[in-house]
Structures are given as C-alpha cells and as structure tokens.
Amino acid sequence: MKESPIARRYAKALVELCAEAKNHAVIGKQLESFAETWDSSDEFQNVMKSPVVSLEDKREILNKLFARNLFAPTTRNFLFVLLDAGRIGHVDEISRAFAELMDNVSMRVRATVTSAVPMERSDLVRIQAALQRLTGKTVVLDAKVDPSLIGGVVTEIDNVVLDGSLKTQLQTLSERLLA
C-alpha cells in the first residue's frame, strides 16, 4: 500500500532524527508497537481524535502509556508532535513508511513466502539466500501458510510476485484447455 505524502514526510523527519541518535531500531520497534496499540483499540482512537477531549488530557493519556511501556524520548517527542499537529491518526501509515525508509537506508528488503504447508527452516534459509543473491540486499523473510495453494510456493519481494504454486499452474492449464 502506498503511503500518503504526509506519512512519508513525517517518517523521513524521524529517520533523520534517528540517524543523529543512532537508535533507529529501538524507535522503529516502539513506533510499530504504538501503531499496533492504535489499530487494536477503537476506543483509544476515538478519545485521541475527539475534539471534545482537550489536548492536555490527550497528552496525559500518552504520558501514562509511555510510562507503562518505557518509550524512548525520541519516540515520545515524535508522538507528541503528531498529536499536536493533529496527525496522530496517521501513525500506522507513518510507521510503515518509517520501516520502508529504514530498510532502504540499511540495504534491507522484505519478502513474503507463502506455501500450502509450513516450510522447513532449511528451505526458508535457502530461499532467503537466493533472494539475497538476486537483490544484493539483506532479505527479511516472512513465511505464511495458505492451504488453498495446494502445493508450491508464492514469493513476493519488492512488489514482484513469483508464483510457483500448484493452484496457479492448474488454473493456467485449465484456461489453456478451455481456450
């Protein structure tokens, strides 16, 4: 999914802050954690977006959350900036944009491998190594299971899908036979 220009702008600013402090991994995890909390609670979102709740009360809510989860000062300050600017609702998008920018800076790429049954660790390592040779970047692999594939593997990396599933092969064969 393409992030909005707002999300990219805030994410880029955070990347620059992290470059100075050299704490991008910690900030990334904390931002992702906050985004997950945000996504999982409609009540939290409603309170933080409500024009009825004062900015001071919203800051107090965030302070309590930060105290419980021990957020780094950079993360806390960044989230306060989002709150003050009325952009806290974009935190999920900003978190994804930040991760993408940090991947680019770190010469890292994310890939998803989907198979019909759980794959052996050794197979995942081989796929990861092949993708690293292909891209010249460090590959962070996410393994998923989709029984509807019947067999084979579907790999997605940098918006490129390599579909070696039995399901797709059967669909292609069926289309050829019916043509």
C-alpha atoms as a PDB file:
ATOM      1  CA  MET A   1       0.000   0.000   0.000  1.00  0.00           C
ATOM      2  CA  LYS A   2       1.297   3.455  -0.952  1.00  0.00           C
ATOM      3  CA  GLU A   3       1.747   5.834   1.969  1.00  0.00           C
ATOM      4  CA  SER A   4       0.452   9.380   1.836  1.00  0.00           C
ATOM      5  CA  PRO A   5       2.854  12.300   1.351  1.00  0.00           C
ATOM      6  CA  ILE A   6       2.110  13.302   4.949  1.00  0.00           C
ATOM      7  CA  ALA A   7       3.234   9.899   6.249  1.00  0.00           C
ATOM      8  CA  ARG A   8       6.400   9.944   4.136  1.00  0.00           C
ATOM      9  CA  ARG A   9       7.268  13.463   5.297  1.00  0.00           C
ATOM     10  CA  TYR A  10       6.938  12.606   8.984  1.00  0.00           C
ATOM     11  CA  ALA A  11       8.728   9.265   8.512  1.00  0.00           C
ATOM     12  CA  LYS A  12      11.612  10.983   6.723  1.00  0.00           C
ATOM     13  CA  ALA A  13      11.943  13.502   9.551  1.00  0.00           C
ATOM     14  CA  LEU A  14      12.038  10.656  12.073  1.00  0.00           C
ATOM     15  CA  VAL A  15      14.690   8.810  10.043  1.00  0.00           C
ATOM     16  CA  GLU A  16      16.842  11.954  10.152  1.00  0.00           C
ATOM     17  CA  LEU A  17      16.360  12.222  13.928  1.00  0.00           C
ATOM     18  CA  CYS A  18      17.308   8.570  14.355  1.00  0.00           C
ATOM     19  CA  ALA A  19      20.418   8.995  12.211  1.00  0.00           C
ATOM     20  CA  GLU A  20      21.650  11.594  14.686  1.00  0.00           C
ATOM     21  CA  ALA A  21      20.828   9.481  17.744  1.00  0.00           C
ATOM     22  CA  LYS A  22      21.715   6.140  16.082  1.00  0.00           C
ATOM     23  CA  ASN A  23      18.692   4.468  17.663  1.00  0.00           C
ATOM     24  CA  HIS A  24      16.549   3.665  14.624  1.00  0.00           C
ATOM     25  CA  ALA A  25      15.930   0.028  15.607  1.00  0.00           C
ATOM     26  CA  VAL A  26      14.551   0.954  19.030  1.00  0.00           C
ATOM     27  CA  ILE A  27      12.451   3.804  17.653  1.00  0.00           C
ATOM     28  CA  GLY A  28      11.140   1.600  14.845  1.00  0.00           C
ATOM     29  CA  LYS A  29      10.019  -1.113  17.280  1.00  0.00           C
ATOM     30  CA  GLN A  30       8.395   1.429  19.592  1.00  0.00           C
ATOM     31  CA  LEU A  31       6.606   3.190  16.742  1.00  0.00           C
ATOM     32  CA  GLU A  32       5.386  -0.160  15.423  1.00  0.00           C
ATOM     33  CA  SER A  33       4.213  -1.119  18.916  1.00  0.00           C
ATOM     34  CA  PHE A  34       2.318   2.155  19.294  1.00  0.00           C
ATOM     35  CA  ALA A  35       0.757   1.705  15.831  1.00  0.00           C
ATOM     36  CA  GLU A  36      -0.402  -1.805  16.815  1.00  0.00           C
ATOM     37  CA  THR A  37      -1.929  -0.418  20.024  1.00  0.00           C
ATOM     38  CA  TRP A  38      -3.600   2.304  17.975  1.00  0.00           C
ATOM     39  CA  ASP A  39      -5.009  -0.195  15.467  1.00  0.00           C
ATOM     40  CA  SER A  40      -6.249  -2.592  18.125  1.00  0.00           C
ATOM     41  CA  SER A  41      -8.313  -0.078  20.118  1.00  0.00           C
ATOM     42  CA  ASP A  42     -11.174   1.865  18.587  1.00  0.00           C
ATOM     43  CA  GLU A  43     -11.803   3.431  21.987  1.00  0.00           C
ATOM     44  CA  PHE A  44      -8.222   4.751  22.159  1.00  0.00           C
ATOM     45  CA  GLN A  45      -8.523   6.157  18.631  1.00  0.00           C
ATOM     46  CA  ASN A  46     -11.860   7.809  19.384  1.00  0.00           C
ATOM     47  CA  VAL A  47     -10.527   9.505  22.518  1.00  0.00           C
ATOM     48  CA  MET A  48      -7.331  10.704  20.820  1.00  0.00           C
ATOM     49  CA  LYS A  49      -9.229  12.029  17.779  1.00  0.00           C
ATOM     50  CA  SER A  50     -12.081  13.568  19.762  1.00  0.00           C
ATOM     51  CA  PRO A  51     -12.391  17.355  19.600  1.00  0.00           C
ATOM     52  CA  VAL A  52     -14.158  17.201  22.983  1.00  0.00           C
ATOM     53  CA  VAL A  53     -11.081  15.826  24.794  1.00  0.00           C
ATOM     54  CA  SER A  54      -8.537  18.567  25.463  1.00  0.00           C
ATOM     55  CA  LEU A  55      -5.004  18.382  24.094  1.00  0.00           C
ATOM     56  CA  GLU A  56      -3.745  18.416  27.676  1.00  0.00           C
ATOM     57  CA  ASP A  57      -5.851  15.330  28.526  1.00  0.00           C
ATOM     58  CA  LYS A  58      -4.630  13.555  25.389  1.00  0.00           C
ATOM     59  CA  ARG A  59      -1.022  14.316  26.354  1.00  0.00           C
ATOM     60  CA  GLU A  60      -1.685  12.894  29.825  1.00  0.00           C
ATOM     61  CA  ILE A  61      -3.087   9.694  28.281  1.00  0.00           C
ATOM     62  CA  LEU A  62       0.047   9.358  26.133  1.00  0.00           C
ATOM     63  CA  ASN A  63       2.290  10.035  29.134  1.00  0.00           C
ATOM     64  CA  LYS A  64       0.622   7.184  31.041  1.00  0.00           C
ATOM     65  CA  LEU A  65       1.069   4.883  28.066  1.00  0.00           C
ATOM     66  CA  PHE A  66       4.727   5.914  27.709  1.00  0.00           C
ATOM     67  CA  ALA A  67       5.418   5.353  31.404  1.00  0.00           C
ATOM     68  CA  ARG A  68       3.971   1.854  31.230  1.00  0.00           C
ATOM     69  CA  ASN A  69       5.871   0.894  28.067  1.00  0.00           C
ATOM     70  CA  LEU A  70       9.139   2.805  28.662  1.00  0.00           C
ATOM     71  CA  PHE A  71       9.243   4.651  25.338  1.00  0.00           C
ATOM     72  CA  ALA A  72      12.478   6.410  24.359  1.00  0.00           C
ATOM     73  CA  PRO A  73      12.451  10.226  24.491  1.00  0.00           C
ATOM     74  CA  THR A  74      12.698  10.433  20.684  1.00  0.00           C
ATOM     75  CA  THR A  75       9.611   8.244  20.264  1.00  0.00           C
ATOM     76  CA  ARG A  76       7.669  10.140  22.934  1.00  0.00           C
ATOM     77  CA  ASN A  77       8.522  13.519  21.455  1.00  0.00           C
ATOM     78  CA  PHE A  78       7.692  12.367  17.935  1.00  0.00           C
ATOM     79  CA  LEU A  79       4.280  11.071  19.013  1.00  0.00           C
ATOM     80  CA  PHE A  80       3.620  14.346  20.845  1.00  0.00           C
ATOM     81  CA  VAL A  81       4.455  16.227  17.634  1.00  0.00           C
ATOM     82  CA  LEU A  82       1.948  14.029  15.772  1.00  0.00           C
ATOM     83  CA  LEU A  83      -0.651  14.677  18.449  1.00  0.00           C
ATOM     84  CA  ASP A  84      -0.062  18.441  18.472  1.00  0.00           C
ATOM     85  CA  ALA A  85      -0.198  18.599  14.663  1.00  0.00           C
ATOM     86  CA  GLY A  86      -3.415  16.568  14.529  1.00  0.00           C
ATOM     87  CA  ARG A  87      -1.616  13.740  12.685  1.00  0.00           C
ATOM     88  CA  ILE A  88      -1.761  11.017  15.340  1.00  0.00           C
ATOM     89  CA  GLY A  89      -4.337   9.205  13.188  1.00  0.00           C
ATOM     90  CA  HIS A  90      -1.623   8.660  10.563  1.00  0.00           C
ATOM     91  CA  VAL A  91       0.651   6.756  12.958  1.00  0.00           C
ATOM     92  CA  ASP A  92       0.134   3.375  11.257  1.00  0.00           C
ATOM     93  CA  GLU A  93       0.988   4.800   7.846  1.00  0.00           C
ATOM     94  CA  ILE A  94       3.959   6.692   9.275  1.00  0.00           C
ATOM     95  CA  SER A  95       5.214   3.523  10.976  1.00  0.00           C
ATOM     96  CA  ARG A  96       5.112   1.611   7.667  1.00  0.00           C
ATOM     97  CA  ALA A  97       6.800   4.480   5.801  1.00  0.00           C
ATOM     98  CA  PHE A  98       9.496   4.676   8.500  1.00  0.00           C
ATOM     99  CA  ALA A  99      10.166   0.921   8.230  1.00  0.00           C
ATOM    100  CA  GLU A 100      10.397   1.205   4.445  1.00  0.00           C
ATOM    101  CA  LEU A 101      12.808   4.147   4.604  1.00  0.00           C
ATOM    102  CA  MET A 102      14.956   2.384   7.205  1.00  0.00           C
ATOM    103  CA  ASP A 103      15.014  -0.727   5.008  1.00  0.00           C
ATOM    104  CA  ASN A 104      16.330   1.399   2.130  1.00  0.00           C
ATOM    105  CA  VAL A 105      18.969   3.044   4.328  1.00  0.00           C
ATOM    106  CA  SER A 106      20.019  -0.350   5.722  1.00  0.00           C
ATOM    107  CA  MET A 107      20.091  -2.100   2.310  1.00  0.00           C
ATOM    108  CA  ARG A 108      17.330  -4.409   3.503  1.00  0.00           C
ATOM    109  CA  VAL A 109      14.293  -5.722   1.622  1.00  0.00           C
ATOM    110  CA  ARG A 110      11.254  -7.587   2.916  1.00  0.00           C
ATOM    111  CA  ALA A 111       9.920 -10.695   1.230  1.00  0.00           C
ATOM    112  CA  THR A 112       6.920 -12.918   1.866  1.00  0.00           C
ATOM    113  CA  VAL A 113       6.972 -16.629   1.097  1.00  0.00           C
ATOM    114  CA  THR A 114       3.592 -18.349   1.113  1.00  0.00           C
ATOM    115  CA  SER A 115       3.271 -22.128   0.940  1.00  0.00           C
ATOM    116  CA  ALA A 116       0.465 -24.673   1.287  1.00  0.00           C
ATOM    117  CA  VAL A 117       2.066 -26.212   4.383  1.00  0.00           C
ATOM    118  CA  PRO A 118       4.603 -24.837   6.888  1.00  0.00           C
ATOM    119  CA  MET A 119       8.079 -24.832   5.358  1.00  0.00           C
ATOM    120  CA  GLU A 120      11.171 -26.333   6.930  1.00  0.00           C
ATOM    121  CA  ARG A 121      13.661 -23.830   8.330  1.00  0.00           C
ATOM    122  CA  SER A 122      16.356 -25.079   5.943  1.00  0.00           C
ATOM    123  CA  ASP A 123      14.112 -24.386   2.919  1.00  0.00           C
ATOM    124  CA  LEU A 124      13.404 -20.862   4.150  1.00  0.00           C
ATOM    125  CA  VAL A 125      17.136 -20.244   4.628  1.00  0.00           C
ATOM    126  CA  ARG A 126      17.825 -21.423   1.048  1.00  0.00           C
ATOM    127  CA  ILE A 127      15.085 -19.160  -0.348  1.00  0.00           C
ATOM    128  CA  GLN A 128      16.389 -16.245   1.711  1.00  0.00           C
ATOM    129  CA  ALA A 129      19.951 -16.815   0.451  1.00  0.00           C
ATOM    130  CA  ALA A 130      18.762 -16.991  -3.176  1.00  0.00           C
ATOM    131  CA  LEU A 131      16.782 -13.760  -2.786  1.00  0.00           C
ATOM    132  CA  GLN A 132      19.800 -12.061  -1.191  1.00  0.00           C
ATOM    133  CA  ARG A 133      21.976 -13.076  -4.153  1.00  0.00           C
ATOM    134  CA  LEU A 134      19.271 -11.854  -6.547  1.00  0.00           C
ATOM    135  CA  THR A 135      18.747  -8.455  -4.884  1.00  0.00           C
ATOM    136  CA  GLY A 136      22.166  -7.786  -3.390  1.00  0.00           C
ATOM    137  CA  LYS A 137      20.390  -6.772  -0.176  1.00  0.00           C
ATOM    138  CA  THR A 138      19.705  -8.347   3.188  1.00  0.00           C
ATOM    139  CA  VAL A 139      16.345 -10.123   2.953  1.00  0.00           C
ATOM    140  CA  VAL A 140      13.919 -10.191   5.869  1.00  0.00           C
ATOM    141  CA  LEU A 141      11.703 -13.184   5.183  1.00  0.00           C
ATOM    142  CA  ASP A 142       8.111 -13.587   6.366  1.00  0.00           C
ATOM    143  CA  ALA A 143       6.720 -17.115   5.973  1.00  0.00           C
ATOM    144  CA  LYS A 144       2.969 -17.627   5.618  1.00  0.00           C
ATOM    145  CA  VAL A 145       0.757 -20.649   5.074  1.00  0.00           C
ATOM    146  CA  ASP A 146      -2.180 -20.746   2.636  1.00  0.00           C
ATOM    147  CA  PRO A 147      -3.610 -24.255   2.159  1.00  0.00           C
ATOM    148  CA  SER A 148      -5.517 -23.102  -0.950  1.00  0.00           C
ATOM    149  CA  LEU A 149      -2.196 -23.067  -2.860  1.00  0.00           C
ATOM    150  CA  ILE A 150      -2.313 -26.903  -2.854  1.00  0.00           C
ATOM    151  CA  GLY A 151       1.466 -27.066  -3.310  1.00  0.00           C
ATOM    152  CA  GLY A 152       4.448 -24.991  -4.358  1.00  0.00           C
ATOM    153  CA  VAL A 153       5.467 -21.535  -3.187  1.00  0.00           C
ATOM    154  CA  VAL A 154       4.491 -17.926  -3.892  1.00  0.00           C
ATOM    155  CA  THR A 155       7.224 -15.375  -3.202  1.00  0.00           C
ATOM    156  CA  GLU A 156       6.625 -11.634  -3.092  1.00  0.00           C
ATOM    157  CA  ILE A 157       9.540  -9.209  -2.968  1.00  0.00           C
ATOM    158  CA  ASP A 158       9.592  -5.513  -3.905  1.00  0.00           C
ATOM    159  CA  ASN A 159       6.107  -5.733  -5.443  1.00  0.00           C
ATOM    160  CA  VAL A 160       7.209  -8.612  -7.684  1.00  0.00           C
ATOM    161  CA  VAL A 161       5.311 -11.879  -7.309  1.00  0.00           C
ATOM    162  CA  LEU A 162       6.956 -15.170  -8.257  1.00  0.00           C
ATOM    163  CA  ASP A 163       4.085 -17.654  -8.318  1.00  0.00           C
ATOM    164  CA  GLY A 164       5.170 -21.282  -8.368  1.00  0.00           C
ATOM    165  CA  SER A 165       2.006 -22.599  -6.728  1.00  0.00           C
ATOM    166  CA  LEU A 166       0.204 -25.680  -7.936  1.00  0.00           C
ATOM    167  CA  LYS A 167      -3.060 -23.732  -7.737  1.00  0.00           C
ATOM    168  CA  THR A 168      -1.860 -21.216 -10.361  1.00  0.00           C
ATOM    169  CA  GLN A 169      -0.394 -23.938 -12.564  1.00  0.00           C
ATOM    170  CA  LEU A 170      -3.735 -25.789 -12.521  1.00  0.00           C
ATOM    171  CA  GLN A 171      -5.622 -22.567 -13.320  1.00  0.00           C
ATOM    172  CA  THR A 172      -3.291 -21.857 -16.240  1.00  0.00           C
ATOM    173  CA  LEU A 173      -3.678 -25.407 -17.548  1.00  0.00           C
ATOM    174  CA  SER A 174      -7.460 -25.173 -17.229  1.00  0.00           C
ATOM    175  CA  GLU A 175      -7.522 -21.878 -19.142  1.00  0.00           C
ATOM    176  CA  ARG A 176      -5.402 -23.369 -21.929  1.00  0.00           C
ATOM    177  CA  LEU A 177      -7.618 -26.427 -22.215  1.00  0.00           C
ATOM    178  CA  LEU A 178     -10.771 -24.308 -22.369  1.00  0.00           C
ATOM    179  CA  ALA A 179      -9.327 -21.907 -24.965  1.00  0.00           C
END
